[in-house]
PDB file of N, CA and C in Angstrom:
ATOM      1  N   MET A   1      14.002  -8.323 -24.925  1.00  0.00           N
ATOM      2  CA  MET A   1      13.665  -8.020 -23.594  1.00  0.00           C
ATOM      3  C   MET A   1      13.302  -9.213 -23.048  1.00  0.00           C
ATOM      4  N   ASN A   2      13.795  -9.686 -21.690  1.00  0.00           N
ATOM      5  CA  ASN A   2      13.372 -10.803 -21.017  1.00  0.00           C
ATOM      6  C   ASN A   2      12.140 -10.636 -20.191  1.00  0.00           C
ATOM      7  N   THR A   3      11.675 -11.789 -19.786  1.00  0.00           N
ATOM      8  CA  THR A   3      10.244 -11.697 -19.008  1.00  0.00           C
ATOM      9  C   THR A   3      10.208 -10.854 -17.823  1.00  0.00           C
ATOM     10  N   ARG A   4      11.466 -10.623 -17.112  1.00  0.00           N
ATOM     11  CA  ARG A   4      11.624  -9.852 -15.903  1.00  0.00           C
ATOM     12  C   ARG A   4      11.553  -8.457 -16.309  1.00  0.00           C
ATOM     13  N   ASN A   5      12.157  -7.954 -17.380  1.00  0.00           N
ATOM     14  CA  ASN A   5      12.002  -6.804 -17.742  1.00  0.00           C
ATOM     15  C   ASN A   5      10.650  -6.443 -18.230  1.00  0.00           C
ATOM     16  N   LYS A   6      10.094  -7.278 -18.897  1.00  0.00           N
ATOM     17  CA  LYS A   6       8.564  -6.920 -19.555  1.00  0.00           C
ATOM     18  C   LYS A   6       7.625  -6.790 -18.345  1.00  0.00           C
ATOM     19  N   ASP A   7       8.138  -7.626 -17.169  1.00  0.00           N
ATOM     20  CA  ASP A   7       6.973  -7.487 -16.118  1.00  0.00           C
ATOM     21  C   ASP A   7       7.152  -6.194 -15.247  1.00  0.00           C
ATOM     22  N   ARG A   8       8.499  -5.674 -15.387  1.00  0.00           N
ATOM     23  CA  ARG A   8       8.809  -4.646 -14.728  1.00  0.00           C
ATOM     24  C   ARG A   8       7.897  -3.380 -15.605  1.00  0.00           C
ATOM     25  N   THR A   9       8.280  -3.204 -16.823  1.00  0.00           N
ATOM     26  CA  THR A   9       7.694  -2.266 -17.486  1.00  0.00           C
ATOM     27  C   THR A   9       6.349  -2.372 -17.542  1.00  0.00           C
ATOM     28  N   ILE A  10       5.701  -3.399 -17.712  1.00  0.00           N
ATOM     29  CA  ILE A  10       4.252  -3.438 -17.508  1.00  0.00           C
ATOM     30  C   ILE A  10       3.776  -2.774 -16.211  1.00  0.00           C
ATOM     31  N   SER A  11       4.304  -3.289 -14.943  1.00  0.00           N
ATOM     32  CA  SER A  11       3.938  -2.881 -13.882  1.00  0.00           C
ATOM     33  C   SER A  11       4.198  -1.351 -13.739  1.00  0.00           C
ATOM     34  N   TRP A  12       5.359  -0.783 -14.045  1.00  0.00           N
ATOM     35  CA  TRP A  12       5.386   0.782 -13.993  1.00  0.00           C
ATOM     36  C   TRP A  12       4.433   1.409 -14.891  1.00  0.00           C
ATOM     37  N   MET A  13       4.039   0.781 -16.046  1.00  0.00           N
ATOM     38  CA  MET A  13       3.154   1.486 -16.776  1.00  0.00           C
ATOM     39  C   MET A  13       1.643   1.498 -16.040  1.00  0.00           C
ATOM     40  N   LEU A  14       1.509   0.478 -15.423  1.00  0.00           N
ATOM     41  CA  LEU A  14       0.141   0.402 -14.707  1.00  0.00           C
ATOM     42  C   LEU A  14       0.260   1.371 -13.480  1.00  0.00           C
ATOM     43  N   VAL A  15       1.204   1.545 -12.738  1.00  0.00           N
ATOM     44  CA  VAL A  15       1.362   2.310 -11.594  1.00  0.00           C
ATOM     45  C   VAL A  15       1.146   3.805 -12.186  1.00  0.00           C
ATOM     46  N   LEU A  16       1.907   4.392 -13.307  1.00  0.00           N
ATOM     47  CA  LEU A  16       1.697   5.526 -13.852  1.00  0.00           C
ATOM     48  C   LEU A  16       0.366   5.820 -14.269  1.00  0.00           C
ATOM     49  N   ILE A  17      -0.433   4.742 -14.876  1.00  0.00           N
ATOM     50  CA  ILE A  17      -1.660   4.990 -15.482  1.00  0.00           C
ATOM     51  C   ILE A  17      -2.502   5.292 -14.153  1.00  0.00           C
ATOM     52  N   ALA A  18      -2.382   4.534 -13.051  1.00  0.00           N
ATOM     53  CA  ALA A  18      -3.153   4.515 -11.851  1.00  0.00           C
ATOM     54  C   ALA A  18      -3.074   5.865 -11.236  1.00  0.00           C
ATOM     55  N   LEU A  19      -1.438   6.395 -11.227  1.00  0.00           N
ATOM     56  CA  LEU A  19      -1.400   7.926 -10.687  1.00  0.00           C
ATOM     57  C   LEU A  19      -2.033   8.820 -11.412  1.00  0.00           C
ATOM     58  N   GLY A  20      -1.933   8.773 -12.660  1.00  0.00           N
ATOM     59  CA  GLY A  20      -2.491   9.631 -13.651  1.00  0.00           C
ATOM     60  C   GLY A  20      -4.147   9.657 -13.593  1.00  0.00           C
ATOM     61  N   ILE A  21      -4.765   8.852 -13.384  1.00  0.00           N
ATOM     62  CA  ILE A  21      -6.269   8.594 -13.217  1.00  0.00           C
ATOM     63  C   ILE A  21      -6.592   9.257 -11.813  1.00  0.00           C
ATOM     64  N   ILE A  22      -5.760   8.888 -10.673  1.00  0.00           N
ATOM     65  CA  ILE A  22      -5.987   9.544  -9.461  1.00  0.00           C
ATOM     66  C   ILE A  22      -5.618  11.020  -9.475  1.00  0.00           C
ATOM     67  N   LEU A  23      -4.620  11.785 -10.147  1.00  0.00           N
ATOM     68  CA  LEU A  23      -4.249  13.128 -10.390  1.00  0.00           C
ATOM     69  C   LEU A  23      -5.389  13.724 -11.204  1.00  0.00           C
ATOM     70  N   TYR A  24      -6.001  13.196 -12.158  1.00  0.00           N
ATOM     71  CA  TYR A  24      -6.951  13.534 -12.766  1.00  0.00           C
ATOM     72  C   TYR A  24      -8.083  13.987 -12.268  1.00  0.00           C
ATOM     73  N   GLY A  25      -8.431  12.693 -11.355  1.00  0.00           N
ATOM     74  CA  GLY A  25      -9.820  12.894 -10.570  1.00  0.00           C
ATOM     75  C   GLY A  25      -9.776  13.944  -9.599  1.00  0.00           C
ATOM     76  N   LEU A  26      -8.427  14.136  -8.911  1.00  0.00           N
ATOM     77  CA  LEU A  26      -8.320  14.948  -7.800  1.00  0.00           C
ATOM     78  C   LEU A  26      -8.525  16.529  -8.557  1.00  0.00           C
ATOM     79  N   GLY A  27      -7.849  16.583  -9.764  1.00  0.00           N
ATOM     80  CA  GLY A  27      -7.918  17.903 -10.498  1.00  0.00           C
ATOM     81  C   GLY A  27      -9.161  18.473 -10.866  1.00  0.00           C
ATOM     82  N   THR A  28     -10.143  17.294 -11.186  1.00  0.00           N
ATOM     83  CA  THR A  28     -11.335  17.855 -11.689  1.00  0.00           C
ATOM     84  C   THR A  28     -12.571  17.947 -10.723  1.00  0.00           C
ATOM     85  N   SER A  29     -12.170  17.472  -9.442  1.00  0.00           N
ATOM     86  CA  SER A  29     -12.956  17.657  -8.271  1.00  0.00           C
ATOM     87  C   SER A  29     -13.149  18.951  -7.685  1.00  0.00           C
ATOM     88  N   ASN A  30     -14.247  19.232  -7.295  1.00  0.00           N
ATOM     89  CA  ASN A  30     -14.697  20.490  -6.873  1.00  0.00           C
ATOM     90  C   ASN A  30     -14.665  20.285  -5.300  1.00  0.00           C
ATOM     91  N   ASN A  31     -14.493  19.094  -4.699  1.00  0.00           N
ATOM     92  CA  ASN A  31     -14.828  18.992  -3.284  1.00  0.00           C
ATOM     93  C   ASN A  31     -13.444  18.674  -2.480  1.00  0.00           C
ATOM     94  N   ILE A  32     -12.316  19.320  -2.899  1.00  0.00           N
ATOM     95  CA  ILE A  32     -11.121  19.143  -2.359  1.00  0.00           C
ATOM     96  C   ILE A  32     -11.214  20.006  -1.053  1.00  0.00           C
ATOM     97  N   PRO A  33     -11.042  19.392   0.090  1.00  0.00           N
ATOM     98  CA  PRO A  33     -10.916  20.366   1.465  1.00  0.00           C
ATOM     99  C   PRO A  33      -9.648  21.272   1.578  1.00  0.00           C
ATOM    100  N   ASP A  34      -9.862  22.461   2.170  1.00  0.00           N
ATOM    101  CA  ASP A  34      -8.893  23.438   2.510  1.00  0.00           C
ATOM    102  C   ASP A  34      -8.327  23.141   3.937  1.00  0.00           C
ATOM    103  N   PHE A  35      -7.126  22.533   3.812  1.00  0.00           N
ATOM    104  CA  PHE A  35      -6.331  22.203   5.074  1.00  0.00           C
ATOM    105  C   PHE A  35      -5.377  23.630   5.514  1.00  0.00           C
ATOM    106  N   SER A  36      -5.545  24.644   5.173  1.00  0.00           N
ATOM    107  CA  SER A  36      -4.701  25.594   5.325  1.00  0.00           C
ATOM    108  C   SER A  36      -5.070  26.114   6.750  1.00  0.00           C
ATOM    109  N   GLY A  37      -4.071  26.357   7.794  1.00  0.00           N
ATOM    110  CA  GLY A  37      -4.357  26.815   9.168  1.00  0.00           C
ATOM    111  C   GLY A  37      -4.859  25.819  10.086  1.00  0.00           C
ATOM    112  N   LYS A  38      -4.831  24.522   9.434  1.00  0.00           N
ATOM    113  CA  LYS A  38      -5.235  23.516  10.582  1.00  0.00           C
ATOM    114  C   LYS A  38      -4.040  22.775  11.123  1.00  0.00           C
ATOM    115  N   THR A  39      -3.914  22.017  12.159  1.00  0.00           N
ATOM    116  CA  THR A  39      -3.144  21.486  12.705  1.00  0.00           C
ATOM    117  C   THR A  39      -3.006  20.079  12.105  1.00  0.00           C
ATOM    118  N   LEU A  40      -1.962  19.218  12.328  1.00  0.00           N
ATOM    119  CA  LEU A  40      -1.794  17.892  11.821  1.00  0.00           C
ATOM    120  C   LEU A  40      -2.895  17.030  12.636  1.00  0.00           C
ATOM    121  N   LYS A  41      -3.244  17.261  13.799  1.00  0.00           N
ATOM    122  CA  LYS A  41      -4.124  16.427  14.583  1.00  0.00           C
ATOM    123  C   LYS A  41      -5.707  16.793  13.905  1.00  0.00           C
ATOM    124  N   GLU A  42      -5.877  17.677  13.460  1.00  0.00           N
ATOM    125  CA  GLU A  42      -7.197  18.077  12.860  1.00  0.00           C
ATOM    126  C   GLU A  42      -7.308  17.380  11.428  1.00  0.00           C
ATOM    127  N   ILE A  43      -6.384  17.601  10.794  1.00  0.00           N
ATOM    128  CA  ILE A  43      -6.263  17.007   9.404  1.00  0.00           C
ATOM    129  C   ILE A  43      -6.362  15.419   9.464  1.00  0.00           C
ATOM    130  N   LEU A  44      -5.745  14.694  10.425  1.00  0.00           N
ATOM    131  CA  LEU A  44      -5.890  13.348  10.536  1.00  0.00           C
ATOM    132  C   LEU A  44      -7.171  13.028  11.004  1.00  0.00           C
ATOM    133  N   THR A  45      -7.648  13.658  12.076  1.00  0.00           N
ATOM    134  CA  THR A  45      -9.196  13.392  12.358  1.00  0.00           C
ATOM    135  C   THR A  45     -10.185  13.571  11.228  1.00  0.00           C
ATOM    136  N   PHE A  46     -10.071  14.629  10.649  1.00  0.00           N
ATOM    137  CA  PHE A  46     -10.890  14.574   9.303  1.00  0.00           C
ATOM    138  C   PHE A  46     -10.744  13.620   8.403  1.00  0.00           C
ATOM    139  N   LEU A  47      -9.449  13.259   8.181  1.00  0.00           N
ATOM    140  CA  LEU A  47      -9.454  12.000   7.166  1.00  0.00           C
ATOM    141  C   LEU A  47      -9.819  10.677   7.602  1.00  0.00           C
ATOM    142  N   VAL A  48      -9.632  10.278   8.999  1.00  0.00           N
ATOM    143  CA  VAL A  48     -10.182   9.189   9.586  1.00  0.00           C
ATOM    144  C   VAL A  48     -11.572   9.133   9.492  1.00  0.00           C
ATOM    145  N   ASP A  49     -12.482  10.449  10.126  1.00  0.00           N
ATOM    146  CA  ASP A  49     -13.672  10.479  10.090  1.00  0.00           C
ATOM    147  C   ASP A  49     -14.483  10.362   8.960  1.00  0.00           C
ATOM    148  N   THR A  50     -13.698  10.762   7.681  1.00  0.00           N
ATOM    149  CA  THR A  50     -14.241  11.160   6.359  1.00  0.00           C
ATOM    150  C   THR A  50     -14.072   9.783   5.597  1.00  0.00           C
ATOM    151  N   TYR A  51     -12.687   9.445   5.428  1.00  0.00           N
ATOM    152  CA  TYR A  51     -12.093   8.459   4.702  1.00  0.00           C
ATOM    153  C   TYR A  51     -11.853   7.073   5.330  1.00  0.00           C
ATOM    154  N   LEU A  52     -12.295   6.650   6.404  1.00  0.00           N
ATOM    155  CA  LEU A  52     -12.031   5.329   6.993  1.00  0.00           C
ATOM    156  C   LEU A  52     -12.056   4.367   6.112  1.00  0.00           C
ATOM    157  N   ASP A  53     -13.055   4.024   5.298  1.00  0.00           N
ATOM    158  CA  ASP A  53     -13.164   2.989   4.490  1.00  0.00           C
ATOM    159  C   ASP A  53     -12.191   2.809   3.525  1.00  0.00           C
ATOM    160  N   PHE A  54     -11.718   4.054   2.817  1.00  0.00           N
ATOM    161  CA  PHE A  54     -10.595   3.970   1.912  1.00  0.00           C
ATOM    162  C   PHE A  54      -9.157   3.549   2.595  1.00  0.00           C
ATOM    163  N   ILE A  55      -9.127   4.221   3.824  1.00  0.00           N
ATOM    164  CA  ILE A  55      -7.956   3.977   4.602  1.00  0.00           C
ATOM    165  C   ILE A  55      -7.694   2.557   4.694  1.00  0.00           C
ATOM    166  N   LEU A  56      -8.773   1.860   5.111  1.00  0.00           N
ATOM    167  CA  LEU A  56      -8.866   0.504   5.557  1.00  0.00           C
ATOM    168  C   LEU A  56      -8.421  -0.277   4.302  1.00  0.00           C
ATOM    169  N   ILE A  57      -9.313  -0.033   3.149  1.00  0.00           N
ATOM    170  CA  ILE A  57      -9.006  -0.619   1.770  1.00  0.00           C
ATOM    171  C   ILE A  57      -7.514  -0.666   1.364  1.00  0.00           C
ATOM    172  N   VAL A  58      -6.893   0.559   1.612  1.00  0.00           N
ATOM    173  CA  VAL A  58      -5.659   0.673   1.035  1.00  0.00           C
ATOM    174  C   VAL A  58      -4.536  -0.041   1.991  1.00  0.00           C
ATOM    175  N   TYR A  59      -4.811  -0.071   3.253  1.00  0.00           N
ATOM    176  CA  TYR A  59      -4.151  -0.697   4.390  1.00  0.00           C
ATOM    177  C   TYR A  59      -4.036  -2.271   3.980  1.00  0.00           C
ATOM    178  N   VAL A  60      -5.217  -2.895   3.770  1.00  0.00           N
ATOM    179  CA  VAL A  60      -5.455  -4.201   3.366  1.00  0.00           C
ATOM    180  C   VAL A  60      -4.871  -4.671   2.103  1.00  0.00           C
ATOM    181  N   PHE A  61      -4.857  -3.816   1.117  1.00  0.00           N
ATOM    182  CA  PHE A  61      -4.318  -4.006  -0.115  1.00  0.00           C
ATOM    183  C   PHE A  61      -2.642  -3.863  -0.015  1.00  0.00           C
ATOM    184  N   ILE A  62      -2.166  -2.957   0.773  1.00  0.00           N
ATOM    185  CA  ILE A  62      -0.672  -2.862   1.197  1.00  0.00           C
ATOM    186  C   ILE A  62      -0.121  -4.239   1.644  1.00  0.00           C
ATOM    187  N   CYS A  63      -0.981  -4.534   2.789  1.00  0.00           N
ATOM    188  CA  CYS A  63      -0.742  -5.783   3.191  1.00  0.00           C
ATOM    189  C   CYS A  63      -0.553  -7.042   2.464  1.00  0.00           C
ATOM    190  N   LEU A  64      -1.806  -7.236   1.659  1.00  0.00           N
ATOM    191  CA  LEU A  64      -1.710  -8.147   0.352  1.00  0.00           C
ATOM    192  C   LEU A  64      -0.353  -8.240  -0.426  1.00  0.00           C
ATOM    193  N   GLN A  65      -0.087  -6.951  -0.797  1.00  0.00           N
ATOM    194  CA  GLN A  65       1.081  -6.840  -1.672  1.00  0.00           C
ATOM    195  C   GLN A  65       2.425  -7.161  -1.067  1.00  0.00           C
ATOM    196  N   VAL A  66       2.535  -6.910   0.141  1.00  0.00           N
ATOM    197  CA  VAL A  66       3.621  -7.180   0.837  1.00  0.00           C
ATOM    198  C   VAL A  66       3.844  -8.660   1.042  1.00  0.00           C
ATOM    199  N   ALA A  67       2.581  -9.358   1.509  1.00  0.00           N
ATOM    200  CA  ALA A  67       2.580 -10.741   1.568  1.00  0.00           C
ATOM    201  C   ALA A  67       2.860 -11.447   0.226  1.00  0.00           C
ATOM    202  N   GLY A  68       2.599 -10.972  -0.891  1.00  0.00           N
ATOM    203  CA  GLY A  68       2.816 -11.474  -2.059  1.00  0.00           C
ATOM    204  C   GLY A  68       4.645 -11.364  -2.365  1.00  0.00           C
ATOM    205  N   TYR A  69       5.122 -10.431  -2.018  1.00  0.00           N
ATOM    206  CA  TYR A  69       6.522 -10.349  -1.988  1.00  0.00           C
ATOM    207  C   TYR A  69       7.047 -11.130  -1.110  1.00  0.00           C
ATOM    208  N   VAL A  70       6.835 -11.420   0.108  1.00  0.00           N
ATOM    209  CA  VAL A  70       7.494 -12.289   0.819  1.00  0.00           C
ATOM    210  C   VAL A  70       7.368 -13.610   0.501  1.00  0.00           C
ATOM    211  N   GLU A  71       6.084 -13.892  -0.197  1.00  0.00           N
ATOM    212  CA  GLU A  71       5.984 -15.334  -0.820  1.00  0.00           C
ATOM    213  C   GLU A  71       6.993 -15.532  -1.794  1.00  0.00           C
ATOM    214  N   LEU A  72       7.285 -14.663  -2.624  1.00  0.00           N
ATOM    215  CA  LEU A  72       8.104 -14.945  -3.921  1.00  0.00           C
ATOM    216  C   LEU A  72       9.578 -14.797  -3.501  1.00  0.00           C
ATOM    217  N   LYS A  73      10.002 -13.811  -2.505  1.00  0.00           N
ATOM    218  CA  LYS A  73      11.122 -13.631  -2.123  1.00  0.00           C
ATOM    219  C   LYS A  73      11.660 -14.655  -1.118  1.00  0.00           C
ATOM    220  N   TYR A  74      10.985 -15.080   0.013  1.00  0.00           N
ATOM    221  CA  TYR A  74      11.389 -15.817   0.762  1.00  0.00           C
ATOM    222  C   TYR A  74      10.686 -17.109   1.075  1.00  0.00           C
ATOM    223  N   LYS A  75      10.081 -17.486  -0.048  1.00  0.00           N
ATOM    224  CA  LYS A  75       9.362 -18.851  -0.247  1.00  0.00           C
ATOM    225  C   LYS A  75       8.533 -19.192   1.111  1.00  0.00           C
ATOM    226  N   LYS A  76       7.707 -18.401   1.376  1.00  0.00           N
ATOM    227  CA  LYS A  76       6.932 -18.589   2.833  1.00  0.00           C
ATOM    228  C   LYS A  76       5.423 -18.679   2.033  1.00  0.00           C
ATOM    229  N   ASP A  77       4.665 -19.280   2.805  1.00  0.00           N
ATOM    230  CA  ASP A  77       3.280 -19.487   2.527  1.00  0.00           C
ATOM    231  C   ASP A  77       2.523 -18.091   2.586  1.00  0.00           C
ATOM    232  N   TYR A  78       1.873 -17.980   1.499  1.00  0.00           N
ATOM    233  CA  TYR A  78       0.866 -16.646   1.225  1.00  0.00           C
ATOM    234  C   TYR A  78      -0.008 -16.453   2.242  1.00  0.00           C
ATOM    235  N   ILE A  79      -0.881 -17.448   2.677  1.00  0.00           N
ATOM    236  CA  ILE A  79      -1.837 -17.356   3.472  1.00  0.00           C
ATOM    237  C   ILE A  79      -1.337 -16.728   5.064  1.00  0.00           C
ATOM    238  N   ILE A  80      -0.202 -17.457   5.496  1.00  0.00           N
ATOM    239  CA  ILE A  80       0.307 -17.164   6.673  1.00  0.00           C
ATOM    240  C   ILE A  80       0.890 -15.683   6.648  1.00  0.00           C
ATOM    241  N   ALA A  81       1.651 -15.518   5.617  1.00  0.00           N
ATOM    242  CA  ALA A  81       2.174 -14.112   5.224  1.00  0.00           C
ATOM    243  C   ALA A  81       1.163 -13.030   5.398  1.00  0.00           C
ATOM    244  N   SER A  82       0.280 -13.245   4.599  1.00  0.00           N
ATOM    245  CA  SER A  82      -0.965 -12.280   4.545  1.00  0.00           C
ATOM    246  C   SER A  82      -1.756 -12.066   5.952  1.00  0.00           C
ATOM    247  N   MET A  83      -1.843 -13.250   6.568  1.00  0.00           N
ATOM    248  CA  MET A  83      -2.374 -13.008   7.937  1.00  0.00           C
ATOM    249  C   MET A  83      -1.528 -12.232   9.016  1.00  0.00           C
ATOM    250  N   LEU A  84      -0.291 -12.633   9.015  1.00  0.00           N
ATOM    251  CA  LEU A  84       0.777 -12.002   9.911  1.00  0.00           C
ATOM    252  C   LEU A  84       0.825 -10.163   9.343  1.00  0.00           C
ATOM    253  N   SER A  85       0.856 -10.006   8.228  1.00  0.00           N
ATOM    254  CA  SER A  85       1.100  -8.606   7.554  1.00  0.00           C
ATOM    255  C   SER A  85      -0.282  -7.762   8.003  1.00  0.00           C
ATOM    256  N   ILE A  86      -1.497  -8.520   7.907  1.00  0.00           N
ATOM    257  CA  ILE A  86      -2.770  -7.778   8.291  1.00  0.00           C
ATOM    258  C   ILE A  86      -2.589  -7.634   9.911  1.00  0.00           C
ATOM    259  N   LEU A  87      -2.280  -8.349  10.364  1.00  0.00           N
ATOM    260  CA  LEU A  87      -2.287  -8.261  12.019  1.00  0.00           C
ATOM    261  C   LEU A  87      -1.280  -7.530  12.622  1.00  0.00           C
ATOM    262  N   PHE A  88       0.074  -7.718  12.037  1.00  0.00           N
ATOM    263  CA  PHE A  88       1.028  -6.862  12.612  1.00  0.00           C
ATOM    264  C   PHE A  88       1.753  -5.908  11.916  1.00  0.00           C
ATOM    265  N   THR A  89       1.002  -5.520  10.835  1.00  0.00           N
ATOM    266  CA  THR A  89       1.458  -4.512   9.743  1.00  0.00           C
ATOM    267  C   THR A  89       2.538  -5.119   8.784  1.00  0.00           C
ATOM    268  N   PRO A  90       2.724  -4.482   7.575  1.00  0.00           N
ATOM    269  CA  PRO A  90       3.461  -5.218   6.504  1.00  0.00           C
ATOM    270  C   PRO A  90       4.780  -4.999   6.982  1.00  0.00           C
ATOM    271  N   PHE A  91       5.382  -3.773   7.520  1.00  0.00           N
ATOM    272  CA  PHE A  91       6.655  -3.696   7.749  1.00  0.00           C
ATOM    273  C   PHE A  91       7.264  -4.685   9.042  1.00  0.00           C
ATOM    274  N   SER A  92       6.310  -4.838  10.053  1.00  0.00           N
ATOM    275  CA  SER A  92       6.860  -5.704  11.039  1.00  0.00           C
ATOM    276  C   SER A  92       6.955  -7.192  10.446  1.00  0.00           C
ATOM    277  N   LEU A  93       6.170  -7.314   9.465  1.00  0.00           N
ATOM    278  CA  LEU A  93       6.507  -8.810   8.737  1.00  0.00           C
ATOM    279  C   LEU A  93       7.765  -8.843   8.122  1.00  0.00           C
ATOM    280  N   LEU A  94       8.381  -7.862   7.616  1.00  0.00           N
ATOM    281  CA  LEU A  94       9.677  -8.119   6.849  1.00  0.00           C
ATOM    282  C   LEU A  94      10.556  -8.033   8.104  1.00  0.00           C
ATOM    283  N   PHE A  95      10.557  -7.675   9.182  1.00  0.00           N
ATOM    284  CA  PHE A  95      11.419  -7.623  10.352  1.00  0.00           C
ATOM    285  C   PHE A  95      11.401  -9.170  11.033  1.00  0.00           C
ATOM    286  N   ILE A  96      10.227  -9.521  11.235  1.00  0.00           N
ATOM    287  CA  ILE A  96       9.973 -10.934  11.654  1.00  0.00           C
ATOM    288  C   ILE A  96      10.732 -11.851  10.914  1.00  0.00           C
ATOM    289  N   LEU A  97      10.727 -11.805   9.301  1.00  0.00           N
ATOM    290  CA  LEU A  97      11.169 -12.627   8.367  1.00  0.00           C
ATOM    291  C   LEU A  97      12.845 -12.673   8.458  1.00  0.00           C
ATOM    292  N   LYS A  98      13.346 -11.338   8.547  1.00  0.00           N
ATOM    293  CA  LYS A  98      14.612 -10.972   8.586  1.00  0.00           C
ATOM    294  C   LYS A  98      15.528 -11.617   9.862  1.00  0.00           C
ATOM    295  N   ASN A  99      14.513 -11.624  11.150  1.00  0.00           N
ATOM    296  CA  ASN A  99      15.363 -12.196  12.331  1.00  0.00           C
ATOM    297  C   ASN A  99      15.060 -13.834  12.042  1.00  0.00           C
ATOM    298  N   GLU A 100      14.015 -14.127  11.521  1.00  0.00           N
ATOM    299  CA  GLU A 100      14.307 -15.900  11.373  1.00  0.00           C
ATOM    300  C   GLU A 100      15.301 -16.181  10.420  1.00  0.00           C
ATOM    301  N   GLN A 101      15.879 -15.504   9.403  1.00  0.00           N
ATOM    302  CA  GLN A 101      16.815 -15.841   8.431  1.00  0.00           C
ATOM    303  C   GLN A 101      18.228 -15.691   9.280  1.00  0.00           C
ATOM    304  N   ASP A 102      18.250 -14.754  10.528  1.00  0.00           N
ATOM    305  CA  ASP A 102      19.640 -14.687  10.828  1.00  0.00           C
ATOM    306  C   ASP A 102      19.882 -15.792  11.932  1.00  0.00           C
ATOM    307  N   ASP A 103      18.778 -16.531  12.397  1.00  0.00           N
ATOM    308  CA  ASP A 103      18.953 -17.543  13.451  1.00  0.00           C
ATOM    309  C   ASP A 103      19.591 -18.784  12.782  1.00  0.00           C
TER     310      ASP A 103
END
């Protein structure tokens, strides 16, 4: 097994372990809110009001992961890529880099 396959296997194992821990935590929690009969706007308002800190942490984590991907794939500077992804969202960063390659 080469290094690339080992890295992928370890990455998938870590993802599955993390998902297992999250699902276990949700399953044993007694504080899961009931969203039946609520509109999407009410659900989103509740999530933002209650879990804004977690939403921001996940957003920054995703931005940094995309910046790392851009650094490895397109040989860009990590600091600039992470700043762009945090300011302009991770998906727009990929479109910006694609447009630069087309020129």
